[in-house]
Amino acid sequence: MQPPVTNQHKIAPPVSATVGVVETVASIKGVRESDLQPLAEAVDTDFLDWLFEGTETTESPYAVVFSYSGYEITVRSDRTLTLRPK
């Protein structure tokens, strides 16, 4: 049995964290963004955008991890997005 494929992407400003997550998941799944469940059902989207707005920082690294659309999503303070199939 092969380990699940992990996808890693960078969310480049000015794209918000929420838009980056939804666009990336839709692209990987090969569906339209509107076909996915609302991201707000998985995470507080206002908080996610607030936490990752502006430029990337590595002074005090942090990450947010949540489940969405069949993936474990990790968004790191450097705006790296990691998706692992659940």
PDB file of N, CA and C in Angstrom:
ATOM      1  N   MET A   1       0.843  -1.182   0.000  1.00  0.00           N
ATOM      2  CA  MET A   1       0.000   0.000   0.000  1.00  0.00           C
ATOM      3  C   MET A   1       0.886   1.243   0.000  1.00  0.00           C
ATOM      4  N   GLN A   2       0.594   2.175  -0.907  1.00  0.00           N
ATOM      5  CA  GLN A   2       1.373   3.397  -1.006  1.00  0.00           C
ATOM      6  C   GLN A   2       0.848   4.438  -0.028  1.00  0.00           C
ATOM      7  N   PRO A   3       1.762   5.239   0.529  1.00  0.00           N
ATOM      8  CA  PRO A   3       1.297   6.305   1.420  1.00  0.00           C
ATOM      9  C   PRO A   3       0.510   7.332   0.625  1.00  0.00           C
ATOM     10  N   PRO A   4      -0.432   8.034   1.278  1.00  0.00           N
ATOM     11  CA  PRO A   4      -1.210   9.053   0.579  1.00  0.00           C
ATOM     12  C   PRO A   4      -0.298  10.170   0.059  1.00  0.00           C
ATOM     13  N   VAL A   5      -0.669  10.714  -1.066  1.00  0.00           N
ATOM     14  CA  VAL A   5       0.099  11.799  -1.671  1.00  0.00           C
ATOM     15  C   VAL A   5      -0.193  13.096  -0.916  1.00  0.00           C
ATOM     16  N   THR A   6       0.871  13.776  -0.542  1.00  0.00           N
ATOM     17  CA  THR A   6       0.746  15.075   0.115  1.00  0.00           C
ATOM     18  C   THR A   6       1.004  16.155  -0.920  1.00  0.00           C
ATOM     19  N   ASN A   7       0.123  17.120  -0.987  1.00  0.00           N
ATOM     20  CA  ASN A   7       0.272  18.247  -1.904  1.00  0.00           C
ATOM     21  C   ASN A   7       0.678  19.466  -1.100  1.00  0.00           C
ATOM     22  N   GLN A   8       1.636  20.217  -1.647  1.00  0.00           N
ATOM     23  CA  GLN A   8       2.078  21.426  -0.974  1.00  0.00           C
ATOM     24  C   GLN A   8       2.065  22.583  -1.969  1.00  0.00           C
ATOM     25  N   HIS A   9       1.518  23.703  -1.536  1.00  0.00           N
ATOM     26  CA  HIS A   9       1.390  24.882  -2.379  1.00  0.00           C
ATOM     27  C   HIS A   9       1.709  26.116  -1.562  1.00  0.00           C
ATOM     28  N   LYS A  10       2.046  27.177  -2.240  1.00  0.00           N
ATOM     29  CA  LYS A  10       2.305  28.465  -1.591  1.00  0.00           C
ATOM     30  C   LYS A  10       1.163  29.409  -1.948  1.00  0.00           C
ATOM     31  N   ILE A  11       0.590  30.056  -0.946  1.00  0.00           N
ATOM     32  CA  ILE A  11      -0.456  31.053  -1.172  1.00  0.00           C
ATOM     33  C   ILE A  11       0.243  32.405  -1.283  1.00  0.00           C
ATOM     34  N   ALA A  12       0.265  32.947  -2.476  1.00  0.00           N
ATOM     35  CA  ALA A  12       0.974  34.207  -2.710  1.00  0.00           C
ATOM     36  C   ALA A  12       0.055  35.399  -2.460  1.00  0.00           C
ATOM     37  N   PRO A  13       0.515  36.360  -1.647  1.00  0.00           N
ATOM     38  CA  PRO A  13      -0.272  37.578  -1.496  1.00  0.00           C
ATOM     39  C   PRO A  13      -0.462  38.232  -2.855  1.00  0.00           C
ATOM     40  N   PRO A  14      -1.561  38.845  -3.137  1.00  0.00           N
ATOM     41  CA  PRO A  14      -2.607  39.269  -2.218  1.00  0.00           C
ATOM     42  C   PRO A  14      -3.732  38.252  -2.035  1.00  0.00           C
ATOM     43  N   VAL A  15      -3.565  37.018  -2.509  1.00  0.00           N
ATOM     44  CA  VAL A  15      -4.610  35.996  -2.362  1.00  0.00           C
ATOM     45  C   VAL A  15      -4.800  35.700  -0.872  1.00  0.00           C
ATOM     46  N   SER A  16      -6.046  35.711  -0.429  1.00  0.00           N
ATOM     47  CA  SER A  16      -6.325  35.416   0.981  1.00  0.00           C
ATOM     48  C   SER A  16      -6.147  33.929   1.250  1.00  0.00           C
ATOM     49  N   ALA A  17      -5.971  33.596   2.507  1.00  0.00           N
ATOM     50  CA  ALA A  17      -5.807  32.198   2.888  1.00  0.00           C
ATOM     51  C   ALA A  17      -7.041  31.381   2.500  1.00  0.00           C
ATOM     52  N   THR A  18      -8.228  31.924   2.729  1.00  0.00           N
ATOM     53  CA  THR A  18      -9.443  31.162   2.419  1.00  0.00           C
ATOM     54  C   THR A  18      -9.573  30.911   0.919  1.00  0.00           C
ATOM     55  N   VAL A  19      -9.298  31.920   0.117  1.00  0.00           N
ATOM     56  CA  VAL A  19      -9.366  31.748  -1.338  1.00  0.00           C
ATOM     57  C   VAL A  19      -8.305  30.750  -1.782  1.00  0.00           C
ATOM     58  N   GLY A  20      -7.102  30.847  -1.218  1.00  0.00           N
ATOM     59  CA  GLY A  20      -6.036  29.913  -1.561  1.00  0.00           C
ATOM     60  C   GLY A  20      -6.393  28.470  -1.264  1.00  0.00           C
ATOM     61  N   VAL A  21      -7.023  28.236  -0.109  1.00  0.00           N
ATOM     62  CA  VAL A  21      -7.431  26.876   0.259  1.00  0.00           C
ATOM     63  C   VAL A  21      -8.474  26.351  -0.724  1.00  0.00           C
ATOM     64  N   VAL A  22      -9.516  27.123  -0.958  1.00  0.00           N
ATOM     65  CA  VAL A  22     -10.607  26.673  -1.826  1.00  0.00           C
ATOM     66  C   VAL A  22     -10.124  26.456  -3.258  1.00  0.00           C
ATOM     67  N   GLU A  23      -9.342  27.387  -3.794  1.00  0.00           N
ATOM     68  CA  GLU A  23      -8.825  27.229  -5.153  1.00  0.00           C
ATOM     69  C   GLU A  23      -7.943  25.994  -5.282  1.00  0.00           C
ATOM     70  N   THR A  24      -7.095  25.769  -4.299  1.00  0.00           N
ATOM     71  CA  THR A  24      -6.181  24.630  -4.346  1.00  0.00           C
ATOM     72  C   THR A  24      -6.928  23.310  -4.249  1.00  0.00           C
ATOM     73  N   VAL A  25      -7.861  23.198  -3.313  1.00  0.00           N
ATOM     74  CA  VAL A  25      -8.625  21.956  -3.164  1.00  0.00           C
ATOM     75  C   VAL A  25      -9.433  21.672  -4.431  1.00  0.00           C
ATOM     76  N   ALA A  26     -10.083  22.687  -4.973  1.00  0.00           N
ATOM     77  CA  ALA A  26     -10.871  22.504  -6.202  1.00  0.00           C
ATOM     78  C   ALA A  26      -9.977  22.043  -7.346  1.00  0.00           C
ATOM     79  N   SER A  27      -8.804  22.635  -7.469  1.00  0.00           N
ATOM     80  CA  SER A  27      -7.876  22.264  -8.537  1.00  0.00           C
ATOM     81  C   SER A  27      -7.410  20.809  -8.396  1.00  0.00           C
ATOM     82  N   ILE A  28      -7.053  20.420  -7.193  1.00  0.00           N
ATOM     83  CA  ILE A  28      -6.582  19.049  -6.961  1.00  0.00           C
ATOM     84  C   ILE A  28      -7.692  18.037  -7.209  1.00  0.00           C
ATOM     85  N   LYS A  29      -8.911  18.364  -6.790  1.00  0.00           N
ATOM     86  CA  LYS A  29     -10.038  17.448  -6.980  1.00  0.00           C
ATOM     87  C   LYS A  29     -10.610  17.501  -8.392  1.00  0.00           C
ATOM     88  N   GLY A  30     -10.227  18.512  -9.157  1.00  0.00           N
ATOM     89  CA  GLY A  30     -10.745  18.644 -10.518  1.00  0.00           C
ATOM     90  C   GLY A  30     -12.207  19.039 -10.576  1.00  0.00           C
ATOM     91  N   VAL A  31     -12.612  19.891  -9.631  1.00  0.00           N
ATOM     92  CA  VAL A  31     -14.004  20.353  -9.575  1.00  0.00           C
ATOM     93  C   VAL A  31     -14.022  21.881  -9.535  1.00  0.00           C
ATOM     94  N   ARG A  32     -15.211  22.450  -9.717  1.00  0.00           N
ATOM     95  CA  ARG A  32     -15.365  23.899  -9.563  1.00  0.00           C
ATOM     96  C   ARG A  32     -15.376  24.237  -8.074  1.00  0.00           C
ATOM     97  N   GLU A  33     -14.936  25.424  -7.764  1.00  0.00           N
ATOM     98  CA  GLU A  33     -14.936  25.868  -6.368  1.00  0.00           C
ATOM     99  C   GLU A  33     -16.339  25.807  -5.768  1.00  0.00           C
ATOM    100  N   SER A  34     -17.335  26.109  -6.573  1.00  0.00           N
ATOM    101  CA  SER A  34     -18.726  26.103  -6.095  1.00  0.00           C
ATOM    102  C   SER A  34     -19.232  24.690  -5.804  1.00  0.00           C
ATOM    103  N   ASP A  35     -18.518  23.673  -6.268  1.00  0.00           N
ATOM    104  CA  ASP A  35     -18.911  22.287  -5.992  1.00  0.00           C
ATOM    105  C   ASP A  35     -18.467  21.824  -4.609  1.00  0.00           C
ATOM    106  N   LEU A  36     -17.575  22.559  -3.984  1.00  0.00           N
ATOM    107  CA  LEU A  36     -17.068  22.187  -2.662  1.00  0.00           C
ATOM    108  C   LEU A  36     -17.999  22.686  -1.570  1.00  0.00           C
ATOM    109  N   GLN A  37     -17.949  22.026  -0.401  1.00  0.00           N
ATOM    110  CA  GLN A  37     -18.715  22.509   0.743  1.00  0.00           C
ATOM    111  C   GLN A  37     -18.166  23.879   1.133  1.00  0.00           C
ATOM    112  N   PRO A  38     -18.971  24.724   1.721  1.00  0.00           N
ATOM    113  CA  PRO A  38     -18.468  26.022   2.158  1.00  0.00           C
ATOM    114  C   PRO A  38     -17.327  25.851   3.167  1.00  0.00           C
ATOM    115  N   LEU A  39     -16.245  26.561   2.953  1.00  0.00           N
ATOM    116  CA  LEU A  39     -15.088  26.466   3.843  1.00  0.00           C
ATOM    117  C   LEU A  39     -15.460  26.852   5.270  1.00  0.00           C
ATOM    118  N   ALA A  40     -16.424  27.756   5.411  1.00  0.00           N
ATOM    119  CA  ALA A  40     -16.854  28.216   6.740  1.00  0.00           C
ATOM    120  C   ALA A  40     -17.448  27.089   7.584  1.00  0.00           C
ATOM    121  N   GLU A  41     -17.812  25.978   6.962  1.00  0.00           N
ATOM    122  CA  GLU A  41     -18.299  24.822   7.724  1.00  0.00           C
ATOM    123  C   GLU A  41     -17.146  24.053   8.366  1.00  0.00           C
ATOM    124  N   ALA A  42     -15.914  24.332   7.939  1.00  0.00           N
ATOM    125  CA  ALA A  42     -14.755  23.613   8.447  1.00  0.00           C
ATOM    126  C   ALA A  42     -13.862  24.460   9.351  1.00  0.00           C
ATOM    127  N   VAL A  43     -13.868  25.782   9.120  1.00  0.00           N
ATOM    128  CA  VAL A  43     -12.954  26.663   9.856  1.00  0.00           C
ATOM    129  C   VAL A  43     -13.546  28.072   9.876  1.00  0.00           C
ATOM    130  N   ASP A  44     -13.164  28.858  10.865  1.00  0.00           N
ATOM    131  CA  ASP A  44     -13.595  30.255  10.940  1.00  0.00           C
ATOM    132  C   ASP A  44     -12.818  31.026   9.872  1.00  0.00           C
ATOM    133  N   THR A  45     -13.465  31.324   8.765  1.00  0.00           N
ATOM    134  CA  THR A  45     -12.782  31.930   7.622  1.00  0.00           C
ATOM    135  C   THR A  45     -12.304  33.359   7.904  1.00  0.00           C
ATOM    136  N   ASP A  46     -13.056  34.108   8.693  1.00  0.00           N
ATOM    137  CA  ASP A  46     -12.619  35.467   9.046  1.00  0.00           C
ATOM    138  C   ASP A  46     -11.314  35.415   9.838  1.00  0.00           C
ATOM    139  N   PHE A  47     -11.252  34.500  10.795  1.00  0.00           N
ATOM    140  CA  PHE A  47     -10.045  34.362  11.606  1.00  0.00           C
ATOM    141  C   PHE A  47      -8.874  33.876  10.747  1.00  0.00           C
ATOM    142  N   LEU A  48      -9.123  32.914   9.876  1.00  0.00           N
ATOM    143  CA  LEU A  48      -8.072  32.385   9.009  1.00  0.00           C
ATOM    144  C   LEU A  48      -7.482  33.496   8.140  1.00  0.00           C
ATOM    145  N   ASP A  49      -8.342  34.294   7.532  1.00  0.00           N
ATOM    146  CA  ASP A  49      -7.860  35.400   6.700  1.00  0.00           C
ATOM    147  C   ASP A  49      -7.112  36.441   7.531  1.00  0.00           C
ATOM    148  N   TRP A  50      -7.635  36.762   8.708  1.00  0.00           N
ATOM    149  CA  TRP A  50      -6.971  37.729   9.569  1.00  0.00           C
ATOM    150  C   TRP A  50      -5.580  37.246   9.978  1.00  0.00           C
ATOM    151  N   LEU A  51      -5.485  35.973  10.341  1.00  0.00           N
ATOM    152  CA  LEU A  51      -4.227  35.408  10.815  1.00  0.00           C
ATOM    153  C   LEU A  51      -3.137  35.430   9.746  1.00  0.00           C
ATOM    154  N   PHE A  52      -3.534  35.235   8.497  1.00  0.00           N
ATOM    155  CA  PHE A  52      -2.557  35.119   7.415  1.00  0.00           C
ATOM    156  C   PHE A  52      -2.540  36.324   6.479  1.00  0.00           C
ATOM    157  N   GLU A  53      -3.180  37.419   6.865  1.00  0.00           N
ATOM    158  CA  GLU A  53      -3.161  38.596   5.981  1.00  0.00           C
ATOM    159  C   GLU A  53      -1.793  39.262   6.041  1.00  0.00           C
ATOM    160  N   GLY A  54      -1.484  39.958   4.966  1.00  0.00           N
ATOM    161  CA  GLY A  54      -0.206  40.662   4.919  1.00  0.00           C
ATOM    162  C   GLY A  54       0.916  39.757   4.442  1.00  0.00           C
ATOM    163  N   THR A  55       2.103  40.107   4.809  1.00  0.00           N
ATOM    164  CA  THR A  55       3.277  39.369   4.347  1.00  0.00           C
ATOM    165  C   THR A  55       3.540  38.169   5.248  1.00  0.00           C
ATOM    166  N   GLU A  56       4.301  37.254   4.713  1.00  0.00           N
ATOM    167  CA  GLU A  56       4.642  36.067   5.492  1.00  0.00           C
ATOM    168  C   GLU A  56       5.637  36.432   6.584  1.00  0.00           C
ATOM    169  N   THR A  57       5.584  35.670   7.664  1.00  0.00           N
ATOM    170  CA  THR A  57       6.490  35.904   8.778  1.00  0.00           C
ATOM    171  C   THR A  57       7.045  34.581   9.277  1.00  0.00           C
ATOM    172  N   THR A  58       8.264  34.600   9.693  1.00  0.00           N
ATOM    173  CA  THR A  58       8.856  33.397  10.277  1.00  0.00           C
ATOM    174  C   THR A  58       9.429  33.705  11.658  1.00  0.00           C
ATOM    175  N   GLU A  59       9.191  34.929  12.170  1.00  0.00           N
ATOM    176  CA  GLU A  59       9.692  35.283  13.495  1.00  0.00           C
ATOM    177  C   GLU A  59       9.153  34.341  14.560  1.00  0.00           C
ATOM    178  N   SER A  60       7.877  34.123  14.569  1.00  0.00           N
ATOM    179  CA  SER A  60       7.226  33.186  15.485  1.00  0.00           C
ATOM    180  C   SER A  60       6.339  32.280  14.644  1.00  0.00           C
ATOM    181  N   PRO A  61       6.906  31.203  14.117  1.00  0.00           N
ATOM    182  CA  PRO A  61       6.122  30.339  13.220  1.00  0.00           C
ATOM    183  C   PRO A  61       4.870  29.783  13.903  1.00  0.00           C
ATOM    184  N   TYR A  62       3.814  29.664  13.132  1.00  0.00           N
ATOM    185  CA  TYR A  62       2.569  29.087  13.614  1.00  0.00           C
ATOM    186  C   TYR A  62       1.885  28.383  12.457  1.00  0.00           C
ATOM    187  N   ALA A  63       0.879  27.584  12.787  1.00  0.00           N
ATOM    188  CA  ALA A  63       0.125  26.865  11.757  1.00  0.00           C
ATOM    189  C   ALA A  63      -1.301  26.648  12.238  1.00  0.00           C
ATOM    190  N   VAL A  64      -2.201  26.547  11.280  1.00  0.00           N
ATOM    191  CA  VAL A  64      -3.590  26.199  11.552  1.00  0.00           C
ATOM    192  C   VAL A  64      -3.861  24.895  10.799  1.00  0.00           C
ATOM    193  N   VAL A  65      -4.447  23.922  11.497  1.00  0.00           N
ATOM    194  CA  VAL A  65      -4.745  22.618  10.897  1.00  0.00           C
ATOM    195  C   VAL A  65      -6.238  22.362  11.038  1.00  0.00           C
ATOM    196  N   PHE A  66      -6.872  21.924   9.938  1.00  0.00           N
ATOM    197  CA  PHE A  66      -8.297  21.608   9.969  1.00  0.00           C
ATOM    198  C   PHE A  66      -8.610  20.619   8.860  1.00  0.00           C
ATOM    199  N   SER A  67      -9.770  19.997   8.940  1.00  0.00           N
ATOM    200  CA  SER A  67     -10.232  19.054   7.920  1.00  0.00           C
ATOM    201  C   SER A  67     -11.180  19.764   6.974  1.00  0.00           C
ATOM    202  N   TYR A  68     -11.014  19.472   5.670  1.00  0.00           N
ATOM    203  CA  TYR A  68     -11.886  20.095   4.675  1.00  0.00           C
ATOM    204  C   TYR A  68     -11.903  19.252   3.416  1.00  0.00           C
ATOM    205  N   SER A  69     -13.083  18.876   2.999  1.00  0.00           N
ATOM    206  CA  SER A  69     -13.314  18.225   1.711  1.00  0.00           C
ATOM    207  C   SER A  69     -12.425  17.002   1.486  1.00  0.00           C
ATOM    208  N   GLY A  70     -12.268  16.194   2.542  1.00  0.00           N
ATOM    209  CA  GLY A  70     -11.496  14.958   2.420  1.00  0.00           C
ATOM    210  C   GLY A  70     -10.002  15.113   2.635  1.00  0.00           C
ATOM    211  N   TYR A  71      -9.568  16.287   3.074  1.00  0.00           N
ATOM    212  CA  TYR A  71      -8.142  16.539   3.304  1.00  0.00           C
ATOM    213  C   TYR A  71      -7.907  17.082   4.709  1.00  0.00           C
ATOM    214  N   GLU A  72      -6.718  16.800   5.235  1.00  0.00           N
ATOM    215  CA  GLU A  72      -6.226  17.512   6.401  1.00  0.00           C
ATOM    216  C   GLU A  72      -5.426  18.675   5.834  1.00  0.00           C
ATOM    217  N   ILE A  73      -5.856  19.885   6.146  1.00  0.00           N
ATOM    218  CA  ILE A  73      -5.260  21.100   5.605  1.00  0.00           C
ATOM    219  C   ILE A  73      -4.391  21.742   6.682  1.00  0.00           C
ATOM    220  N   THR A  74      -3.174  22.094   6.316  1.00  0.00           N
ATOM    221  CA  THR A  74      -2.301  22.842   7.207  1.00  0.00           C
ATOM    222  C   THR A  74      -1.887  24.122   6.487  1.00  0.00           C
ATOM    223  N   VAL A  75      -2.124  25.265   7.128  1.00  0.00           N
ATOM    224  CA  VAL A  75      -1.670  26.548   6.599  1.00  0.00           C
ATOM    225  C   VAL A  75      -0.638  27.067   7.587  1.00  0.00           C
ATOM    226  N   ARG A  76       0.588  27.268   7.106  1.00  0.00           N
ATOM    227  CA  ARG A  76       1.689  27.727   7.963  1.00  0.00           C
ATOM    228  C   ARG A  76       1.893  29.235   7.834  1.00  0.00           C
ATOM    229  N   SER A  77       2.586  29.793   8.816  1.00  0.00           N
ATOM    230  CA  SER A  77       2.808  31.237   8.860  1.00  0.00           C
ATOM    231  C   SER A  77       3.557  31.758   7.639  1.00  0.00           C
ATOM    232  N   ASP A  78       4.290  30.908   6.933  1.00  0.00           N
ATOM    233  CA  ASP A  78       4.962  31.346   5.702  1.00  0.00           C
ATOM    234  C   ASP A  78       4.046  31.217   4.487  1.00  0.00           C
ATOM    235  N   ARG A  79       2.739  30.968   4.750  1.00  0.00           N
ATOM    236  CA  ARG A  79       1.682  30.843   3.736  1.00  0.00           C
ATOM    237  C   ARG A  79       1.833  29.581   2.882  1.00  0.00           C
ATOM    238  N   THR A  80       2.511  28.580   3.430  1.00  0.00           N
ATOM    239  CA  THR A  80       2.588  27.282   2.771  1.00  0.00           C
ATOM    240  C   THR A  80       1.342  26.496   3.143  1.00  0.00           C
ATOM    241  N   LEU A  81       0.721  25.930   2.135  1.00  0.00           N
ATOM    242  CA  LEU A  81      -0.505  25.157   2.282  1.00  0.00           C
ATOM    243  C   LEU A  81      -0.178  23.689   2.019  1.00  0.00           C
ATOM    244  N   THR A  82      -0.462  22.813   2.971  1.00  0.00           N
ATOM    245  CA  THR A  82      -0.221  21.384   2.813  1.00  0.00           C
ATOM    246  C   THR A  82      -1.556  20.653   2.902  1.00  0.00           C
ATOM    247  N   LEU A  83      -1.797  19.761   1.941  1.00  0.00           N
ATOM    248  CA  LEU A  83      -3.025  18.974   1.926  1.00  0.00           C
ATOM    249  C   LEU A  83      -2.659  17.494   1.967  1.00  0.00           C
ATOM    250  N   ARG A  84      -3.223  16.790   2.948  1.00  0.00           N
ATOM    251  CA  ARG A  84      -3.018  15.354   3.071  1.00  0.00           C
ATOM    252  C   ARG A  84      -4.382  14.675   2.995  1.00  0.00           C
ATOM    253  N   PRO A  85      -4.531  13.693   2.103  1.00  0.00           N
ATOM    254  CA  PRO A  85      -5.819  12.985   2.044  1.00  0.00           C
ATOM    255  C   PRO A  85      -6.118  12.317   3.374  1.00  0.00           C
ATOM    256  N   LYS A  86      -7.394  12.341   3.752  1.00  0.00           N
ATOM    257  CA  LYS A  86      -7.813  11.701   5.002  1.00  0.00           C
ATOM    258  C   LYS A  86      -8.240  10.284   4.736  1.00  0.00           C
TER     259      LYS A  86
END
